[in-house]
Amino acid sequence: QVQLVESGGGLVQPGGSLRLSCAASGSIFSLYAMAWYRQAPEKERELVAGITIGGSTNYADSVKGRFTISRDNAKNTVYLQIDSLKPEDTAVYYCNAKGPLMATIDYWGQGTQVTVSS
């Protein structure tokens, strides 16, 4: 079992930045691939960024160059640095853990709201 707790969301003006954090507990963090998803009102949840056990990253086309995912295995935490925020980035952002290792069990956090508005 993995417990995930997101933080760092909030209200920010267009062009601003935020750093989301997701603290994991309950299992060996380094054995899990991690990802950030988001869900805007009346839209399906979508993958924003992912990072593998080995540190390889992937991003949705809509966020490439603006979002950066990273992980700190010593702190059991995954981060999402969000720059150049746009109103269309407004959504609830969810942390996801998949694993351990080649297993495909998904764990989710409760989400953190990001609102981009002037």
N, C-alpha and C. Protein backbone atom coordinates (compact mmCIF):
# COMPACT_ATOMS: atom_id res chain seq x y z
N GLN A 1 0.84 -1.20 0.00
CA GLN A 1 0.00 0.00 0.00
C GLN A 1 0.87 1.25 0.00
N VAL A 2 0.45 2.20 -0.79
CA VAL A 2 1.14 3.48 -0.86
C VAL A 2 0.13 4.58 -0.55
N GLN A 3 0.50 5.48 0.32
CA GLN A 3 -0.32 6.65 0.59
C GLN A 3 0.38 7.86 -0.04
N LEU A 4 -0.42 8.67 -0.72
CA LEU A 4 0.11 9.84 -1.43
C LEU A 4 -0.61 11.09 -0.97
N VAL A 5 0.14 12.12 -0.68
CA VAL A 5 -0.44 13.39 -0.24
C VAL A 5 0.16 14.51 -1.07
N GLU A 6 -0.70 15.18 -1.84
CA GLU A 6 -0.26 16.30 -2.66
C GLU A 6 -0.35 17.61 -1.89
N SER A 7 0.46 18.55 -2.31
CA SER A 7 0.40 19.90 -1.76
C SER A 7 0.99 20.87 -2.79
N GLY A 8 0.76 22.15 -2.56
CA GLY A 8 1.36 23.17 -3.39
C GLY A 8 0.44 23.84 -4.39
N GLY A 9 -0.80 23.38 -4.47
CA GLY A 9 -1.72 24.02 -5.39
C GLY A 9 -2.14 25.40 -4.89
N GLY A 10 -2.87 26.11 -5.74
CA GLY A 10 -3.35 27.41 -5.34
C GLY A 10 -3.82 28.23 -6.52
N LEU A 11 -4.06 29.49 -6.25
CA LEU A 11 -4.49 30.45 -7.27
C LEU A 11 -3.28 31.24 -7.74
N VAL A 12 -3.09 31.28 -9.04
CA VAL A 12 -1.93 31.97 -9.59
C VAL A 12 -2.34 32.70 -10.87
N GLN A 13 -1.69 33.79 -11.15
CA GLN A 13 -1.99 34.55 -12.36
C GLN A 13 -1.36 33.90 -13.58
N PRO A 14 -1.92 34.13 -14.74
CA PRO A 14 -1.30 33.60 -15.97
C PRO A 14 0.15 34.04 -16.06
N GLY A 15 0.99 33.11 -16.48
CA GLY A 15 2.42 33.38 -16.56
C GLY A 15 3.18 33.04 -15.30
N GLY A 16 2.46 32.76 -14.24
CA GLY A 16 3.10 32.46 -12.97
C GLY A 16 3.59 31.02 -12.88
N SER A 17 4.09 30.70 -11.69
CA SER A 17 4.66 29.37 -11.46
C SER A 17 4.16 28.78 -10.15
N LEU A 18 4.17 27.46 -10.11
CA LEU A 18 3.87 26.73 -8.89
C LEU A 18 4.75 25.49 -8.84
N ARG A 19 5.00 25.00 -7.65
CA ARG A 19 5.64 23.70 -7.51
C ARG A 19 4.74 22.80 -6.67
N LEU A 20 4.28 21.75 -7.29
CA LEU A 20 3.47 20.77 -6.59
C LEU A 20 4.37 19.69 -6.00
N SER A 21 4.00 19.22 -4.83
CA SER A 21 4.73 18.14 -4.18
C SER A 21 3.78 16.99 -3.89
N CYS A 22 4.33 15.80 -3.90
CA CYS A 22 3.56 14.61 -3.55
C CYS A 22 4.43 13.76 -2.64
N ALA A 23 4.03 13.67 -1.40
CA ALA A 23 4.78 12.88 -0.42
C ALA A 23 4.19 11.48 -0.33
N ALA A 24 5.03 10.49 -0.45
CA ALA A 24 4.59 9.10 -0.42
C ALA A 24 5.02 8.42 0.88
N SER A 25 4.20 7.49 1.31
CA SER A 25 4.53 6.70 2.50
C SER A 25 3.90 5.32 2.36
N GLY A 26 4.37 4.42 3.19
CA GLY A 26 3.74 3.10 3.26
C GLY A 26 4.44 2.02 2.47
N SER A 27 5.36 2.39 1.60
CA SER A 27 6.08 1.38 0.83
C SER A 27 7.42 1.96 0.39
N ILE A 28 8.16 1.20 -0.38
CA ILE A 28 9.47 1.65 -0.83
C ILE A 28 9.29 2.52 -2.07
N PHE A 29 9.42 3.81 -1.88
CA PHE A 29 9.12 4.80 -2.91
C PHE A 29 9.89 4.55 -4.20
N SER A 30 11.14 4.16 -4.07
CA SER A 30 12.00 4.02 -5.25
C SER A 30 11.57 2.89 -6.17
N LEU A 31 10.65 2.05 -5.74
CA LEU A 31 10.18 0.93 -6.55
C LEU A 31 8.97 1.28 -7.41
N TYR A 32 8.55 2.54 -7.36
CA TYR A 32 7.33 2.95 -8.04
C TYR A 32 7.62 3.99 -9.11
N ALA A 33 7.00 3.78 -10.27
CA ALA A 33 6.95 4.85 -11.25
C ALA A 33 5.92 5.87 -10.75
N MET A 34 6.22 7.14 -10.96
CA MET A 34 5.36 8.20 -10.46
C MET A 34 4.86 9.06 -11.61
N ALA A 35 3.73 9.67 -11.40
CA ALA A 35 3.16 10.51 -12.45
C ALA A 35 2.24 11.56 -11.85
N TRP A 36 2.01 12.59 -12.62
CA TRP A 36 1.01 13.60 -12.31
C TRP A 36 -0.05 13.57 -13.40
N TYR A 37 -1.29 13.57 -12.96
CA TYR A 37 -2.44 13.68 -13.84
C TYR A 37 -3.20 14.94 -13.45
N ARG A 38 -4.09 15.35 -14.33
CA ARG A 38 -4.97 16.47 -13.98
C ARG A 38 -6.35 16.22 -14.57
N GLN A 39 -7.31 16.83 -13.91
CA GLN A 39 -8.70 16.73 -14.37
C GLN A 39 -9.36 18.09 -14.24
N ALA A 40 -9.73 18.63 -15.38
CA ALA A 40 -10.46 19.89 -15.41
C ALA A 40 -11.95 19.60 -15.35
N PRO A 41 -12.75 20.59 -14.96
CA PRO A 41 -14.20 20.37 -14.88
C PRO A 41 -14.77 19.85 -16.18
N GLU A 42 -15.56 18.81 -16.07
CA GLU A 42 -16.25 18.20 -17.21
C GLU A 42 -15.30 17.61 -18.25
N LYS A 43 -14.10 17.33 -17.84
CA LYS A 43 -13.14 16.69 -18.74
C LYS A 43 -12.59 15.43 -18.09
N GLU A 44 -12.05 14.55 -18.91
CA GLU A 44 -11.47 13.33 -18.39
C GLU A 44 -10.10 13.61 -17.77
N ARG A 45 -9.74 12.74 -16.85
CA ARG A 45 -8.41 12.85 -16.26
C ARG A 45 -7.36 12.55 -17.32
N GLU A 46 -6.30 13.36 -17.36
CA GLU A 46 -5.27 13.17 -18.36
C GLU A 46 -3.89 13.13 -17.72
N LEU A 47 -3.01 12.37 -18.36
CA LEU A 47 -1.62 12.29 -17.90
C LEU A 47 -0.91 13.58 -18.27
N VAL A 48 -0.23 14.16 -17.30
CA VAL A 48 0.52 15.39 -17.53
C VAL A 48 2.01 15.09 -17.67
N ALA A 49 2.54 14.31 -16.73
CA ALA A 49 3.98 14.01 -16.73
C ALA A 49 4.21 12.73 -15.94
N GLY A 50 5.23 11.98 -16.35
CA GLY A 50 5.58 10.77 -15.65
C GLY A 50 7.08 10.65 -15.49
N ILE A 51 7.49 9.90 -14.48
CA ILE A 51 8.90 9.65 -14.25
C ILE A 51 9.06 8.20 -13.81
N THR A 52 9.97 7.51 -14.46
CA THR A 52 10.15 6.09 -14.19
C THR A 52 11.02 5.87 -12.94
N ILE A 53 11.15 4.61 -12.58
CA ILE A 53 12.02 4.26 -11.47
C ILE A 53 13.44 4.73 -11.75
N GLY A 54 13.85 4.66 -13.00
CA GLY A 54 15.20 5.05 -13.38
C GLY A 54 15.39 6.54 -13.62
N GLY A 55 14.28 7.30 -13.57
CA GLY A 55 14.39 8.74 -13.73
C GLY A 55 14.06 9.27 -15.11
N SER A 56 13.68 8.40 -16.04
CA SER A 56 13.26 8.89 -17.36
C SER A 56 11.91 9.57 -17.24
N THR A 57 11.75 10.64 -18.02
CA THR A 57 10.52 11.43 -17.92
C THR A 57 9.78 11.48 -19.25
N ASN A 58 8.49 11.72 -19.16
CA ASN A 58 7.68 11.95 -20.35
C ASN A 58 6.61 12.98 -20.00
N TYR A 59 6.18 13.72 -21.03
CA TYR A 59 5.24 14.81 -20.82
C TYR A 59 4.16 14.81 -21.89
N ALA A 60 3.00 15.31 -21.50
CA ALA A 60 1.96 15.58 -22.48
C ALA A 60 2.44 16.71 -23.38
N ASP A 61 2.05 16.67 -24.63
CA ASP A 61 2.49 17.70 -25.58
C ASP A 61 2.10 19.10 -25.11
N SER A 62 0.97 19.20 -24.45
CA SER A 62 0.45 20.51 -24.05
C SER A 62 1.27 21.17 -22.95
N VAL A 63 2.14 20.41 -22.30
CA VAL A 63 2.90 20.98 -21.18
C VAL A 63 4.40 20.93 -21.40
N LYS A 64 4.83 20.34 -22.49
CA LYS A 64 6.28 20.25 -22.76
C LYS A 64 6.92 21.63 -22.77
N GLY A 65 8.04 21.74 -22.08
CA GLY A 65 8.75 23.01 -22.02
C GLY A 65 8.28 23.91 -20.89
N ARG A 66 7.15 23.57 -20.27
CA ARG A 66 6.62 24.38 -19.17
C ARG A 66 6.58 23.62 -17.85
N PHE A 67 6.39 22.33 -17.92
CA PHE A 67 6.28 21.50 -16.72
C PHE A 67 7.53 20.64 -16.59
N THR A 68 7.97 20.43 -15.37
CA THR A 68 9.12 19.56 -15.09
C THR A 68 8.80 18.65 -13.93
N ILE A 69 8.89 17.36 -14.17
CA ILE A 69 8.67 16.38 -13.10
C ILE A 69 10.02 15.92 -12.59
N SER A 70 10.10 15.72 -11.30
CA SER A 70 11.34 15.21 -10.70
C SER A 70 10.98 14.39 -9.47
N ARG A 71 11.93 13.60 -9.01
CA ARG A 71 11.68 12.80 -7.81
C ARG A 71 12.91 12.83 -6.91
N ASP A 72 12.66 12.77 -5.63
CA ASP A 72 13.72 12.69 -4.63
C ASP A 72 13.44 11.44 -3.81
N ASN A 73 14.14 10.38 -4.13
CA ASN A 73 13.87 9.11 -3.45
C ASN A 73 14.25 9.16 -1.97
N ALA A 74 15.19 10.00 -1.63
CA ALA A 74 15.58 10.12 -0.22
C ALA A 74 14.46 10.76 0.60
N LYS A 75 13.65 11.59 -0.04
CA LYS A 75 12.55 12.27 0.65
C LYS A 75 11.20 11.65 0.33
N ASN A 76 11.20 10.57 -0.47
CA ASN A 76 9.93 9.91 -0.84
C ASN A 76 8.94 10.91 -1.44
N THR A 77 9.44 11.77 -2.30
CA THR A 77 8.62 12.85 -2.82
C THR A 77 8.83 13.00 -4.33
N VAL A 78 7.74 13.27 -5.02
CA VAL A 78 7.80 13.63 -6.43
C VAL A 78 7.28 15.06 -6.57
N TYR A 79 7.87 15.79 -7.47
CA TYR A 79 7.55 17.20 -7.66
C TYR A 79 7.07 17.46 -9.08
N LEU A 80 6.29 18.51 -9.22
CA LEU A 80 5.92 19.00 -10.53
C LEU A 80 6.11 20.51 -10.52
N GLN A 81 7.13 20.96 -11.21
CA GLN A 81 7.37 22.39 -11.37
C GLN A 81 6.56 22.86 -12.57
N ILE A 82 5.72 23.84 -12.34
CA ILE A 82 4.83 24.34 -13.39
C ILE A 82 5.17 25.80 -13.65
N ASP A 83 5.62 26.11 -14.82
CA ASP A 83 5.97 27.47 -15.20
C ASP A 83 5.07 27.95 -16.34
N SER A 84 5.08 29.25 -16.55
CA SER A 84 4.30 29.86 -17.65
C SER A 84 2.86 29.34 -17.65
N LEU A 85 2.24 29.40 -16.49
CA LEU A 85 0.89 28.85 -16.35
C LEU A 85 -0.11 29.57 -17.25
N LYS A 86 -1.05 28.79 -17.77
CA LYS A 86 -2.10 29.29 -18.62
C LYS A 86 -3.45 28.99 -17.98
N PRO A 87 -4.48 29.74 -18.32
CA PRO A 87 -5.80 29.45 -17.76
C PRO A 87 -6.25 28.00 -18.03
N GLU A 88 -5.86 27.46 -19.15
CA GLU A 88 -6.25 26.09 -19.48
C GLU A 88 -5.53 25.04 -18.64
N ASP A 89 -4.58 25.46 -17.82
CA ASP A 89 -3.94 24.55 -16.88
C ASP A 89 -4.76 24.37 -15.61
N THR A 90 -5.82 25.14 -15.47
CA THR A 90 -6.68 25.03 -14.31
C THR A 90 -7.29 23.63 -14.22
N ALA A 91 -7.08 22.99 -13.09
CA ALA A 91 -7.55 21.61 -12.91
C ALA A 91 -7.19 21.16 -11.50
N VAL A 92 -7.72 20.01 -11.14
CA VAL A 92 -7.23 19.31 -9.96
C VAL A 92 -6.09 18.40 -10.41
N TYR A 93 -4.98 18.53 -9.74
CA TYR A 93 -3.79 17.75 -10.10
C TYR A 93 -3.64 16.58 -9.12
N TYR A 94 -3.49 15.39 -9.68
CA TYR A 94 -3.41 14.17 -8.88
C TYR A 94 -2.04 13.51 -9.04
N CYS A 95 -1.54 13.03 -7.94
CA CYS A 95 -0.31 12.25 -7.94
C CYS A 95 -0.67 10.77 -8.10
N ASN A 96 0.13 10.06 -8.86
CA ASN A 96 -0.11 8.64 -9.11
C ASN A 96 1.18 7.87 -8.90
N ALA A 97 1.04 6.71 -8.27
CA ALA A 97 2.16 5.78 -8.13
C ALA A 97 1.75 4.46 -8.77
N LYS A 98 2.64 3.88 -9.53
CA LYS A 98 2.36 2.60 -10.17
C LYS A 98 3.50 1.65 -9.85
N GLY A 99 3.14 0.45 -9.37
CA GLY A 99 4.20 -0.50 -9.06
C GLY A 99 3.70 -1.53 -8.07
N PRO A 100 4.59 -2.10 -7.29
CA PRO A 100 6.04 -1.88 -7.33
C PRO A 100 6.71 -2.63 -8.48
N LEU A 101 7.80 -2.07 -8.95
CA LEU A 101 8.57 -2.63 -10.06
C LEU A 101 7.65 -2.86 -11.26
N MET A 102 7.50 -4.08 -11.74
CA MET A 102 6.72 -4.33 -12.96
C MET A 102 5.24 -4.53 -12.67
N ALA A 103 4.85 -4.46 -11.42
CA ALA A 103 3.42 -4.55 -11.10
C ALA A 103 2.71 -3.31 -11.62
N THR A 104 1.41 -3.42 -11.83
CA THR A 104 0.67 -2.30 -12.40
C THR A 104 -0.44 -1.84 -11.47
N ILE A 105 -0.20 -1.91 -10.19
CA ILE A 105 -1.17 -1.42 -9.21
C ILE A 105 -1.06 0.10 -9.16
N ASP A 106 -2.19 0.77 -9.25
CA ASP A 106 -2.23 2.23 -9.21
C ASP A 106 -2.66 2.72 -7.83
N TYR A 107 -1.97 3.75 -7.39
CA TYR A 107 -2.34 4.44 -6.16
C TYR A 107 -2.49 5.92 -6.49
N TRP A 108 -3.47 6.56 -5.82
CA TRP A 108 -3.78 7.96 -6.12
C TRP A 108 -3.80 8.79 -4.85
N GLY A 109 -3.39 10.05 -5.01
CA GLY A 109 -3.57 11.01 -3.94
C GLY A 109 -4.95 11.62 -4.04
N GLN A 110 -5.21 12.55 -3.13
CA GLN A 110 -6.55 13.17 -3.06
C GLN A 110 -6.69 14.35 -4.00
N GLY A 111 -5.58 14.82 -4.54
CA GLY A 111 -5.61 15.92 -5.50
C GLY A 111 -5.36 17.27 -4.87
N THR A 112 -4.84 18.18 -5.67
CA THR A 112 -4.63 19.56 -5.24
C THR A 112 -5.09 20.48 -6.37
N GLN A 113 -5.83 21.50 -6.01
CA GLN A 113 -6.43 22.39 -7.00
C GLN A 113 -5.43 23.44 -7.47
N VAL A 114 -5.32 23.58 -8.77
CA VAL A 114 -4.55 24.66 -9.39
C VAL A 114 -5.50 25.51 -10.20
N THR A 115 -5.56 26.78 -9.88
CA THR A 115 -6.43 27.71 -10.60
C THR A 115 -5.59 28.84 -11.16
N VAL A 116 -5.69 29.02 -12.47
CA VAL A 116 -4.92 30.07 -13.15
C VAL A 116 -5.91 31.12 -13.63
N SER A 117 -5.82 32.28 -13.02
CA SER A 117 -6.78 33.33 -13.34
C SER A 117 -6.21 34.68 -12.95
N SER A 118 -6.59 35.69 -13.71
CA SER A 118 -6.17 37.05 -13.38
C SER A 118 -7.23 37.76 -12.56
